Amino acid sequence: MFAERLDGFGIVFAGHHVPGQPLKDKVVDGDSVSLRLGDESVLVRNVVTLRPGHFSGVIYGFEPSCTLEYGGLRVGQAVEFGEKQIFGCQQT
Protein backbone atom coordinates (compact mmCIF):
# COMPACT_ATOMS: atom_id res chain seq x y z
CA MET A 1 0.00 0.00 0.00
CA PHE A 2 2.65 2.55 1.01
CA ALA A 3 5.42 3.59 -1.37
CA GLU A 4 8.97 2.39 -0.72
CA ARG A 5 12.13 4.47 -0.78
CA LEU A 6 14.41 3.86 -3.74
CA ASP A 7 17.61 1.90 -3.13
CA GLY A 8 20.34 4.22 -1.92
CA PHE A 9 17.91 6.69 -0.32
CA GLY A 10 17.76 6.78 3.47
CA ILE A 11 15.28 8.00 6.02
CA VAL A 12 15.41 11.75 6.70
CA PHE A 13 15.77 12.25 10.46
CA ALA A 14 14.63 15.57 11.96
CA GLY A 15 14.50 17.05 15.41
CA HIS A 16 16.61 18.71 18.05
CA HIS A 17 20.27 17.68 18.16
CA VAL A 18 22.30 17.98 21.34
CA PRO A 19 25.94 18.88 20.59
CA GLY A 20 28.29 16.05 21.50
CA GLN A 21 25.56 13.42 21.18
CA PRO A 22 25.39 11.04 18.20
CA LEU A 23 23.01 11.91 15.38
CA LYS A 24 19.76 9.96 15.26
CA ASP A 25 20.01 7.15 12.72
CA LYS A 26 17.23 4.68 13.51
CA VAL A 27 13.51 4.58 14.20
CA VAL A 28 12.64 3.77 17.81
CA ASP A 29 9.43 3.27 19.76
CA GLY A 30 7.57 6.54 20.33
CA ASP A 31 8.87 8.27 17.19
CA SER A 32 6.67 9.89 14.54
CA VAL A 33 7.22 8.99 10.88
CA SER A 34 6.03 10.01 7.44
CA LEU A 35 4.99 7.44 4.88
CA ARG A 36 3.94 8.08 1.26
CA LEU A 37 0.71 7.16 -0.49
CA GLY A 38 0.68 8.61 -3.98
CA ASP A 39 1.49 12.32 -3.70
CA GLU A 40 0.36 12.47 -0.07
CA SER A 41 2.42 12.11 3.10
CA VAL A 42 0.77 9.92 5.72
CA LEU A 43 1.82 11.14 9.18
CA VAL A 44 2.07 8.40 11.81
CA ARG A 45 2.86 8.73 15.52
CA ASN A 46 3.32 6.43 18.50
CA VAL A 47 5.51 4.10 16.46
CA VAL A 48 6.04 0.65 17.96
CA THR A 49 8.53 -1.94 16.72
CA LEU A 50 6.71 -5.19 15.94
CA ARG A 51 9.87 -7.01 14.83
CA PRO A 52 13.14 -5.84 13.24
CA GLY A 53 12.32 -3.59 10.29
CA HIS A 54 8.55 -3.75 10.83
CA PHE A 55 6.51 -1.18 12.75
CA SER A 56 3.01 -0.02 13.62
CA GLY A 57 1.59 3.36 14.56
CA VAL A 58 -1.48 5.60 14.43
CA ILE A 59 -2.23 8.06 11.61
CA TYR A 60 -2.51 11.64 12.85
CA GLY A 61 -2.67 13.50 9.56
CA PHE A 62 -2.14 13.80 5.82
CA GLU A 63 -0.09 16.39 3.93
CA PRO A 64 -0.52 18.47 1.90
CA SER A 65 -4.29 17.90 1.85
CA CYS A 66 -4.90 18.17 5.64
CA THR A 67 -7.95 15.95 5.11
CA LEU A 68 -9.24 13.44 7.68
CA GLU A 69 -9.33 10.59 5.14
CA TYR A 70 -7.18 9.75 2.14
CA GLY A 71 -6.84 6.68 -0.06
CA GLY A 72 -9.00 4.54 2.20
CA LEU A 73 -7.07 5.55 5.33
CA ARG A 74 -8.28 7.86 8.09
CA VAL A 75 -6.92 9.83 11.03
CA GLY A 76 -6.87 7.64 14.16
CA GLN A 77 -6.40 4.42 12.19
CA ALA A 78 -3.63 1.99 13.19
CA VAL A 79 -1.32 0.95 10.35
CA GLU A 80 1.64 -1.40 9.90
CA PHE A 81 4.61 -0.65 7.67
CA GLY A 82 8.17 -1.65 6.89
CA GLU A 83 11.34 0.37 7.29
CA LYS A 84 11.66 0.81 3.49
CA GLN A 85 8.30 2.63 3.59
CA ILE A 86 9.50 5.30 6.03
CA PHE A 87 10.58 8.53 4.35
CA GLY A 88 11.02 10.74 7.41
CA CYS A 89 11.33 10.29 11.17
CA GLN A 90 11.12 12.71 14.05
CA GLN A 91 11.80 11.98 17.69
CA THR A 92 8.86 12.92 19.87
PDB file of N, CA and C in Angstrom:
ATOM      1  N   MET A   1       0.823  -1.191   0.000  1.00  0.00           N
ATOM      2  CA  MET A   1       0.000   0.000   0.000  1.00  0.00           C
ATOM      3  C   MET A   1       0.863   1.249   0.000  1.00  0.00           C
ATOM      4  N   PHE A   2       1.802   1.369   0.940  1.00  0.00           N
ATOM      5  CA  PHE A   2       2.647   2.555   1.015  1.00  0.00           C
ATOM      6  C   PHE A   2       3.817   2.427   0.048  1.00  0.00           C
ATOM      7  N   ALA A   3       4.264   3.568  -0.479  1.00  0.00           N
ATOM      8  CA  ALA A   3       5.417   3.591  -1.373  1.00  0.00           C
ATOM      9  C   ALA A   3       6.673   3.207  -0.603  1.00  0.00           C
ATOM     10  N   GLU A   4       7.682   2.716  -1.333  1.00  0.00           N
ATOM     11  CA  GLU A   4       8.966   2.389  -0.724  1.00  0.00           C
ATOM     12  C   GLU A   4      10.034   3.332  -1.246  1.00  0.00           C
ATOM     13  N   ARG A   5      10.997   3.643  -0.374  1.00  0.00           N
ATOM     14  CA  ARG A   5      12.127   4.469  -0.777  1.00  0.00           C
ATOM     15  C   ARG A   5      12.947   3.718  -1.830  1.00  0.00           C
ATOM     16  N   LEU A   6      13.539   4.450  -2.744  1.00  0.00           N
ATOM     17  CA  LEU A   6      14.411   3.857  -3.743  1.00  0.00           C
ATOM     18  C   LEU A   6      15.702   3.389  -3.086  1.00  0.00           C
ATOM     19  N   ASP A   7      16.324   2.369  -3.652  1.00  0.00           N
ATOM     20  CA  ASP A   7      17.611   1.903  -3.134  1.00  0.00           C
ATOM     21  C   ASP A   7      18.593   3.058  -3.118  1.00  0.00           C
ATOM     22  N   GLY A   8      19.358   3.157  -2.056  1.00  0.00           N
ATOM     23  CA  GLY A   8      20.339   4.217  -1.916  1.00  0.00           C
ATOM     24  C   GLY A   8      19.817   5.465  -1.226  1.00  0.00           C
ATOM     25  N   PHE A   9      18.505   5.542  -1.002  1.00  0.00           N
ATOM     26  CA  PHE A   9      17.909   6.686  -0.315  1.00  0.00           C
ATOM     27  C   PHE A   9      17.561   6.285   1.107  1.00  0.00           C
ATOM     28  N   GLY A  10      18.007   7.078   2.072  1.00  0.00           N
ATOM     29  CA  GLY A  10      17.761   6.776   3.473  1.00  0.00           C
ATOM     30  C   GLY A  10      16.597   7.562   4.042  1.00  0.00           C
ATOM     31  N   ILE A  11      16.311   7.287   5.281  1.00  0.00           N
ATOM     32  CA  ILE A  11      15.278   8.001   6.024  1.00  0.00           C
ATOM     33  C   ILE A  11      15.831   9.377   6.401  1.00  0.00           C
ATOM     34  N   VAL A  12      15.023  10.414   6.268  1.00  0.00           N
ATOM     35  CA  VAL A  12      15.410  11.751   6.699  1.00  0.00           C
ATOM     36  C   VAL A  12      15.019  11.892   8.173  1.00  0.00           C
ATOM     37  N   PHE A  13      16.009  12.096   9.029  1.00  0.00           N
ATOM     38  CA  PHE A  13      15.769  12.245  10.460  1.00  0.00           C
ATOM     39  C   PHE A  13      15.772  13.722  10.813  1.00  0.00           C
ATOM     40  N   ALA A  14      14.767  14.166  11.572  1.00  0.00           N
ATOM     41  CA  ALA A  14      14.632  15.568  11.958  1.00  0.00           C
ATOM     42  C   ALA A  14      14.429  15.664  13.460  1.00  0.00           C
ATOM     43  N   GLY A  15      14.723  16.826  13.997  1.00  0.00           N
ATOM     44  CA  GLY A  15      14.500  17.053  15.414  1.00  0.00           C
ATOM     45  C   GLY A  15      15.663  17.795  16.029  1.00  0.00           C
ATOM     46  N   HIS A  16      15.596  17.981  17.308  1.00  0.00           N
ATOM     47  CA  HIS A  16      16.613  18.708  18.053  1.00  0.00           C
ATOM     48  C   HIS A  16      17.854  17.840  18.232  1.00  0.00           C
ATOM     49  N   HIS A  17      19.007  18.397  17.956  1.00  0.00           N
ATOM     50  CA  HIS A  17      20.273  17.683  18.155  1.00  0.00           C
ATOM     51  C   HIS A  17      21.038  18.326  19.303  1.00  0.00           C
ATOM     52  N   VAL A  18      21.492  17.507  20.215  1.00  0.00           N
ATOM     53  CA  VAL A  18      22.301  17.975  21.344  1.00  0.00           C
ATOM     54  C   VAL A  18      23.768  17.833  20.949  1.00  0.00           C
ATOM     55  N   PRO A  19      24.522  18.956  20.938  1.00  0.00           N
ATOM     56  CA  PRO A  19      25.935  18.884  20.588  1.00  0.00           C
ATOM     57  C   PRO A  19      26.659  17.845  21.444  1.00  0.00           C
ATOM     58  N   GLY A  20      27.522  17.075  20.800  1.00  0.00           N
ATOM     59  CA  GLY A  20      28.287  16.050  21.500  1.00  0.00           C
ATOM     60  C   GLY A  20      27.586  14.702  21.549  1.00  0.00           C
ATOM     61  N   GLN A  21      26.312  14.672  21.214  1.00  0.00           N
ATOM     62  CA  GLN A  21      25.563  13.418  21.185  1.00  0.00           C
ATOM     63  C   GLN A  21      25.520  12.894  19.746  1.00  0.00           C
ATOM     64  N   PRO A  22      25.443  11.577  19.563  1.00  0.00           N
ATOM     65  CA  PRO A  22      25.388  11.038  18.198  1.00  0.00           C
ATOM     66  C   PRO A  22      24.100  11.461  17.488  1.00  0.00           C
ATOM     67  N   LEU A  23      24.186  11.589  16.175  1.00  0.00           N
ATOM     68  CA  LEU A  23      23.006  11.910  15.379  1.00  0.00           C
ATOM     69  C   LEU A  23      22.055  10.724  15.359  1.00  0.00           C
ATOM     70  N   LYS A  24      20.781  11.004  15.316  1.00  0.00           N
ATOM     71  CA  LYS A  24      19.757   9.957  15.258  1.00  0.00           C
ATOM     72  C   LYS A  24      19.881   9.234  13.920  1.00  0.00           C
ATOM     73  N   ASP A  25      19.869   7.902  13.960  1.00  0.00           N
ATOM     74  CA  ASP A  25      20.011   7.149  12.717  1.00  0.00           C
ATOM     75  C   ASP A  25      19.133   5.896  12.651  1.00  0.00           C
ATOM     76  N   LYS A  26      18.155   5.804  13.572  1.00  0.00           N
ATOM     77  CA  LYS A  26      17.231   4.678  13.509  1.00  0.00           C
ATOM     78  C   LYS A  26      15.887   5.067  14.114  1.00  0.00           C
ATOM     79  N   VAL A  27      14.863   4.363  13.695  1.00  0.00           N
ATOM     80  CA  VAL A  27      13.508   4.577  14.197  1.00  0.00           C
ATOM     81  C   VAL A  27      13.356   3.782  15.489  1.00  0.00           C
ATOM     82  N   VAL A  28      12.847   4.443  16.527  1.00  0.00           N
ATOM     83  CA  VAL A  28      12.636   3.772  17.813  1.00  0.00           C
ATOM     84  C   VAL A  28      11.193   3.991  18.277  1.00  0.00           C
ATOM     85  N   ASP A  29      10.775   3.165  19.212  1.00  0.00           N
ATOM     86  CA  ASP A  29       9.429   3.271  19.757  1.00  0.00           C
ATOM     87  C   ASP A  29       9.155   4.692  20.246  1.00  0.00           C
ATOM     88  N   GLY A  30       7.974   5.203  19.914  1.00  0.00           N
ATOM     89  CA  GLY A  30       7.569   6.535  20.328  1.00  0.00           C
ATOM     90  C   GLY A  30       7.816   7.608  19.282  1.00  0.00           C
ATOM     91  N   ASP A  31       8.606   7.299  18.246  1.00  0.00           N
ATOM     92  CA  ASP A  31       8.865   8.274  17.189  1.00  0.00           C
ATOM     93  C   ASP A  31       7.613   8.537  16.363  1.00  0.00           C
ATOM     94  N   SER A  32       7.683   9.595  15.549  1.00  0.00           N
ATOM     95  CA  SER A  32       6.672   9.888  14.535  1.00  0.00           C
ATOM     96  C   SER A  32       7.354   9.743  13.179  1.00  0.00           C
ATOM     97  N   VAL A  33       6.640   9.210  12.199  1.00  0.00           N
ATOM     98  CA  VAL A  33       7.223   8.989  10.882  1.00  0.00           C
ATOM     99  C   VAL A  33       6.291   9.493   9.791  1.00  0.00           C
ATOM    100  N   SER A  34       6.859   9.685   8.602  1.00  0.00           N
ATOM    101  CA  SER A  34       6.034  10.014   7.443  1.00  0.00           C
ATOM    102  C   SER A  34       6.198   8.900   6.415  1.00  0.00           C
ATOM    103  N   LEU A  35       5.063   8.448   5.920  1.00  0.00           N
ATOM    104  CA  LEU A  35       4.986   7.436   4.875  1.00  0.00           C
ATOM    105  C   LEU A  35       4.447   8.128   3.636  1.00  0.00           C
ATOM    106  N   ARG A  36       4.464   7.478   2.490  1.00  0.00           N
ATOM    107  CA  ARG A  36       3.943   8.081   1.260  1.00  0.00           C
ATOM    108  C   ARG A  36       2.868   7.184   0.668  1.00  0.00           C
ATOM    109  N   LEU A  37       1.793   7.822   0.231  1.00  0.00           N
ATOM    110  CA  LEU A  37       0.712   7.155  -0.487  1.00  0.00           C
ATOM    111  C   LEU A  37       0.370   8.067  -1.652  1.00  0.00           C
ATOM    112  N   GLY A  38       0.835   7.721  -2.843  1.00  0.00           N
ATOM    113  CA  GLY A  38       0.683   8.613  -3.980  1.00  0.00           C
ATOM    114  C   GLY A  38       1.471   9.885  -3.734  1.00  0.00           C
ATOM    115  N   ASP A  39       0.833  11.019  -3.922  1.00  0.00           N
ATOM    116  CA  ASP A  39       1.487  12.318  -3.703  1.00  0.00           C
ATOM    117  C   ASP A  39       1.279  12.841  -2.292  1.00  0.00           C
ATOM    118  N   GLU A  40       0.716  12.037  -1.428  1.00  0.00           N
ATOM    119  CA  GLU A  40       0.363  12.471  -0.068  1.00  0.00           C
ATOM    120  C   GLU A  40       1.316  11.851   0.954  1.00  0.00           C
ATOM    121  N   SER A  41       1.700  12.639   1.953  1.00  0.00           N
ATOM    122  CA  SER A  41       2.419  12.108   3.104  1.00  0.00           C
ATOM    123  C   SER A  41       1.393  11.643   4.132  1.00  0.00           C
ATOM    124  N   VAL A  42       1.611  10.456   4.660  1.00  0.00           N
ATOM    125  CA  VAL A  42       0.766   9.916   5.721  1.00  0.00           C
ATOM    126  C   VAL A  42       1.580  10.044   7.000  1.00  0.00           C
ATOM    127  N   LEU A  43       1.095  10.852   7.941  1.00  0.00           N
ATOM    128  CA  LEU A  43       1.819  11.142   9.180  1.00  0.00           C
ATOM    129  C   LEU A  43       1.381  10.164  10.264  1.00  0.00           C
ATOM    130  N   VAL A  44       2.344   9.474  10.849  1.00  0.00           N
ATOM    131  CA  VAL A  44       2.066   8.401  11.811  1.00  0.00           C
ATOM    132  C   VAL A  44       2.852   8.656  13.084  1.00  0.00           C
ATOM    133  N   ARG A  45       2.182   8.538  14.229  1.00  0.00           N
ATOM    134  CA  ARG A  45       2.859   8.731  15.515  1.00  0.00           C
ATOM    135  C   ARG A  45       2.703   7.488  16.383  1.00  0.00           C
ATOM    136  N   ASN A  46       3.346   7.547  17.550  1.00  0.00           N
ATOM    137  CA  ASN A  46       3.318   6.429  18.500  1.00  0.00           C
ATOM    138  C   ASN A  46       3.812   5.140  17.849  1.00  0.00           C
ATOM    139  N   VAL A  47       4.928   5.255  17.140  1.00  0.00           N
ATOM    140  CA  VAL A  47       5.506   4.099  16.460  1.00  0.00           C
ATOM    141  C   VAL A  47       5.937   3.051  17.476  1.00  0.00           C
ATOM    142  N   VAL A  48       5.650   1.795  17.144  1.00  0.00           N
ATOM    143  CA  VAL A  48       6.036   0.650  17.964  1.00  0.00           C
ATOM    144  C   VAL A  48       6.712  -0.362  17.043  1.00  0.00           C
ATOM    145  N   THR A  49       7.843  -0.904  17.484  1.00  0.00           N
ATOM    146  CA  THR A  49       8.529  -1.938  16.719  1.00  0.00           C
ATOM    147  C   THR A  49       7.822  -3.273  16.945  1.00  0.00           C
ATOM    148  N   LEU A  50       7.368  -3.884  15.852  1.00  0.00           N
ATOM    149  CA  LEU A  50       6.713  -5.190  15.940  1.00  0.00           C
ATOM    150  C   LEU A  50       7.744  -6.313  15.863  1.00  0.00           C
ATOM    151  N   ARG A  51       8.728  -6.112  14.993  1.00  0.00           N
ATOM    152  CA  ARG A  51       9.872  -7.007  14.826  1.00  0.00           C
ATOM    153  C   ARG A  51      10.905  -6.199  14.042  1.00  0.00           C
ATOM    154  N   PRO A  52      12.136  -6.647  13.946  1.00  0.00           N
ATOM    155  CA  PRO A  52      13.136  -5.842  13.241  1.00  0.00           C
ATOM    156  C   PRO A  52      12.674  -5.433  11.838  1.00  0.00           C
ATOM    157  N   GLY A  53      12.688  -4.125  11.596  1.00  0.00           N
ATOM    158  CA  GLY A  53      12.318  -3.587  10.293  1.00  0.00           C
ATOM    159  C   GLY A  53      10.835  -3.504  10.015  1.00  0.00           C
ATOM    160  N   HIS A  54      10.001  -3.799  11.014  1.00  0.00           N
ATOM    161  CA  HIS A  54       8.548  -3.754  10.829  1.00  0.00           C
ATOM    162  C   HIS A  54       7.920  -3.040  12.026  1.00  0.00           C
ATOM    163  N   PHE A  55       7.045  -2.066  11.728  1.00  0.00           N
ATOM    164  CA  PHE A  55       6.511  -1.177  12.755  1.00  0.00           C
ATOM    165  C   PHE A  55       4.997  -1.024  12.637  1.00  0.00           C
ATOM    166  N   SER A  56       4.415  -0.436  13.668  1.00  0.00           N
ATOM    167  CA  SER A  56       3.008  -0.016  13.623  1.00  0.00           C
ATOM    168  C   SER A  56       2.922   1.364  14.259  1.00  0.00           C
ATOM    169  N   GLY A  57       1.814   2.048  13.987  1.00  0.00           N
ATOM    170  CA  GLY A  57       1.591   3.362  14.560  1.00  0.00           C
ATOM    171  C   GLY A  57       0.189   3.828  14.215  1.00  0.00           C
ATOM    172  N   VAL A  58      -0.139   5.051  14.615  1.00  0.00           N
ATOM    173  CA  VAL A  58      -1.480   5.604  14.430  1.00  0.00           C
ATOM    174  C   VAL A  58      -1.394   6.853  13.548  1.00  0.00           C
ATOM    175  N   ILE A  59      -2.214   6.909  12.513  1.00  0.00           N
ATOM    176  CA  ILE A  59      -2.234   8.056  11.609  1.00  0.00           C
ATOM    177  C   ILE A  59      -2.760   9.279  12.357  1.00  0.00           C
ATOM    178  N   TYR A  60      -2.036  10.400  12.240  1.00  0.00           N
ATOM    179  CA  TYR A  60      -2.513  11.643  12.848  1.00  0.00           C
ATOM    180  C   TYR A  60      -2.717  12.754  11.827  1.00  0.00           C
ATOM    181  N   GLY A  61      -2.432  12.477  10.566  1.00  0.00           N
ATOM    182  CA  GLY A  61      -2.673  13.501   9.556  1.00  0.00           C
ATOM    183  C   GLY A  61      -2.187  13.114   8.180  1.00  0.00           C
ATOM    184  N   PHE A  62      -2.556  13.950   7.214  1.00  0.00           N
ATOM    185  CA  PHE A  62      -2.145  13.801   5.824  1.00  0.00           C
ATOM    186  C   PHE A  62      -1.654  15.156   5.332  1.00  0.00           C
ATOM    187  N   GLU A  63      -0.597  15.149   4.518  1.00  0.00           N
ATOM    188  CA  GLU A  63      -0.085  16.389   3.935  1.00  0.00           C
ATOM    189  C   GLU A  63       0.160  16.168   2.459  1.00  0.00           C
ATOM    190  N   PRO A  64      -0.148  17.093   1.605  1.00  0.00           N
ATOM    191  CA  PRO A  64      -0.520  18.468   1.900  1.00  0.00           C
ATOM    192  C   PRO A  64      -2.017  18.697   2.059  1.00  0.00           C
ATOM    193  N   SER A  65      -2.840  17.679   1.906  1.00  0.00           N
ATOM    194  CA  SER A  65      -4.295  17.899   1.853  1.00  0.00           C
ATOM    195  C   SER A  65      -4.924  18.310   3.188  1.00  0.00           C
ATOM    196  N   CYS A  66      -4.343  17.903   4.308  1.00  0.00           N
ATOM    197  CA  CYS A  66      -4.903  18.175   5.638  1.00  0.00           C
ATOM    198  C   CYS A  66      -6.314  17.608   5.798  1.00  0.00           C
ATOM    199  N   THR A  67      -6.648  16.583   5.030  1.00  0.00           N
ATOM    200  CA  THR A  67      -7.955  15.946   5.113  1.00  0.00           C
ATOM    201  C   THR A  67      -7.966  14.936   6.266  1.00  0.00           C
ATOM    202  N   LEU A  68      -9.132  14.458   6.630  1.00  0.00           N
ATOM    203  CA  LEU A  68      -9.242  13.442   7.684  1.00  0.00           C
ATOM    204  C   LEU A  68      -9.183  12.029   7.123  1.00  0.00           C
ATOM    205  N   GLU A  69      -9.389  11.892   5.805  1.00  0.00           N
ATOM    206  CA  GLU A  69      -9.328  10.595   5.139  1.00  0.00           C
ATOM    207  C   GLU A  69      -8.627  10.753   3.804  1.00  0.00           C
ATOM    208  N   TYR A  70      -7.857   9.722   3.434  1.00  0.00           N
ATOM    209  CA  TYR A  70      -7.180   9.752   2.138  1.00  0.00           C
ATOM    210  C   TYR A  70      -6.865   8.318   1.716  1.00  0.00           C
ATOM    211  N   GLY A  71      -7.194   7.984   0.495  1.00  0.00           N
ATOM    212  CA  GLY A  71      -6.835   6.677  -0.059  1.00  0.00           C
ATOM    213  C   GLY A  71      -7.317   5.496   0.751  1.00  0.00           C
ATOM    214  N   GLY A  72      -8.467   5.626   1.388  1.00  0.00           N
ATOM    215  CA  GLY A  72      -8.999   4.537   2.196  1.00  0.00           C
ATOM    216  C   GLY A  72      -8.463   4.493   3.618  1.00  0.00           C
ATOM    217  N   LEU A  73      -7.616   5.450   3.975  1.00  0.00           N
ATOM    218  CA  LEU A  73      -7.074   5.549   5.331  1.00  0.00           C
ATOM    219  C   LEU A  73      -7.698   6.746   6.022  1.00  0.00           C
ATOM    220  N   ARG A  74      -7.683   6.746   7.359  1.00  0.00           N
ATOM    221  CA  ARG A  74      -8.282   7.864   8.093  1.00  0.00           C
ATOM    222  C   ARG A  74      -7.461   8.182   9.349  1.00  0.00           C
ATOM    223  N   VAL A  75      -7.574   9.404   9.791  1.00  0.00           N
ATOM    224  CA  VAL A  75      -6.917   9.830  11.029  1.00  0.00           C
ATOM    225  C   VAL A  75      -7.433   8.963  12.178  1.00  0.00           C
ATOM    226  N   GLY A  76      -6.524   8.508  13.030  1.00  0.00           N
ATOM    227  CA  GLY A  76      -6.866   7.645  14.160  1.00  0.00           C
ATOM    228  C   GLY A  76      -6.737   6.165  13.860  1.00  0.00           C
ATOM    229  N   GLN A  77      -6.507   5.826  12.599  1.00  0.00           N
ATOM    230  CA  GLN A  77      -6.399   4.421  12.193  1.00  0.00           C
ATOM    231  C   GLN A  77      -4.993   3.891  12.472  1.00  0.00           C
ATOM    232  N   ALA A  78      -4.914   2.658  12.984  1.00  0.00           N
ATOM    233  CA  ALA A  78      -3.626   1.994  13.186  1.00  0.00           C
ATOM    234  C   ALA A  78      -3.174   1.381  11.862  1.00  0.00           C
ATOM    235  N   VAL A  79      -1.882   1.509  11.567  1.00  0.00           N
ATOM    236  CA  VAL A  79      -1.316   0.949  10.347  1.00  0.00           C
ATOM    237  C   VAL A  79      -0.008   0.235  10.668  1.00  0.00           C
ATOM    238  N   GLU A  80       0.365  -0.719   9.813  1.00  0.00           N
ATOM    239  CA  GLU A  80       1.639  -1.403   9.896  1.00  0.00           C
ATOM    240  C   GLU A  80       2.434  -1.073   8.642  1.00  0.00           C
ATOM    241  N   PHE A  81       3.758  -1.032   8.787  1.00  0.00           N
ATOM    242  CA  PHE A  81       4.606  -0.652   7.666  1.00  0.00           C
ATOM    243  C   PHE A  81       6.022  -1.140   7.909  1.00  0.00           C
ATOM    244  N   GLY A  82       6.778  -1.234   6.818  1.00  0.00           N
ATOM    245  CA  GLY A  82       8.168  -1.651   6.892  1.00  0.00           C
ATOM    246  C   GLY A  82       9.114  -0.467   6.869  1.00  0.00           C
ATOM    247  N   GLU A  83      10.343  -0.692   7.248  1.00  0.00           N
ATOM    248  CA  GLU A  83      11.343   0.373   7.294  1.00  0.00           C
ATOM    249  C   GLU A  83      11.547   1.016   5.924  1.00  0.00           C
ATOM    250  N   LYS A  84      11.480   0.252   4.844  1.00  0.00           N
ATOM    251  CA  LYS A  84      11.662   0.807   3.494  1.00  0.00           C
ATOM    252  C   LYS A  84      10.539   1.762   3.117  1.00  0.00           C
ATOM    253  N   GLN A  85       9.440   1.756   3.866  1.00  0.00           N
ATOM    254  CA  GLN A  85       8.304   2.633   3.586  1.00  0.00           C
ATOM    255  C   GLN A  85       8.371   3.940   4.367  1.00  0.00           C
ATOM    256  N   ILE A  86       9.354   4.088   5.232  1.00  0.00           N
ATOM    257  CA  ILE A  86       9.497   5.299   6.033  1.00  0.00           C
ATOM    258  C   ILE A  86      10.376   6.287   5.274  1.00  0.00           C
ATOM    259  N   PHE A  87       9.835   7.488   5.045  1.00  0.00           N
ATOM    260  CA  PHE A  87      10.584   8.528   4.350  1.00  0.00           C
ATOM    261  C   PHE A  87      11.198   9.531   5.322  1.00  0.00           C
ATOM    262  N   GLY A  88      10.521   9.797   6.425  1.00  0.00           N
ATOM    263  CA  GLY A  88      11.017  10.744   7.409  1.00  0.00           C
ATOM    264  C   GLY A  88      10.703  10.274   8.815  1.00  0.00           C
ATOM    265  N   CYS A  89      11.516  10.692   9.766  1.00  0.00           N
ATOM    266  CA  CYS A  89      11.327  10.291  11.167  1.00  0.00           C
ATOM    267  C   CYS A  89      11.685  11.459  12.071  1.00  0.00           C
ATOM    268  N   GLN A  90      10.859  11.661  13.077  1.00  0.00           N
ATOM    269  CA  GLN A  90      11.116  12.713  14.053  1.00  0.00           C
ATOM    270  C   GLN A  90      10.919  12.141  15.447  1.00  0.00           C
ATOM    271  N   GLN A  91      11.895  12.396  16.300  1.00  0.00           N
ATOM    272  CA  GLN A  91      11.804  11.978  17.694  1.00  0.00           C
ATOM    273  C   GLN A  91      10.744  12.821  18.380  1.00  0.00           C
ATOM    274  N   THR A  92       9.902  12.176  19.176  1.00  0.00           N
ATOM    275  CA  THR A  92       8.862  12.923  19.867  1.00  0.00           C
ATOM    276  C   THR A  92       9.071  12.889  21.359  1.00  0.00           C
TER     277      THR A  92
END
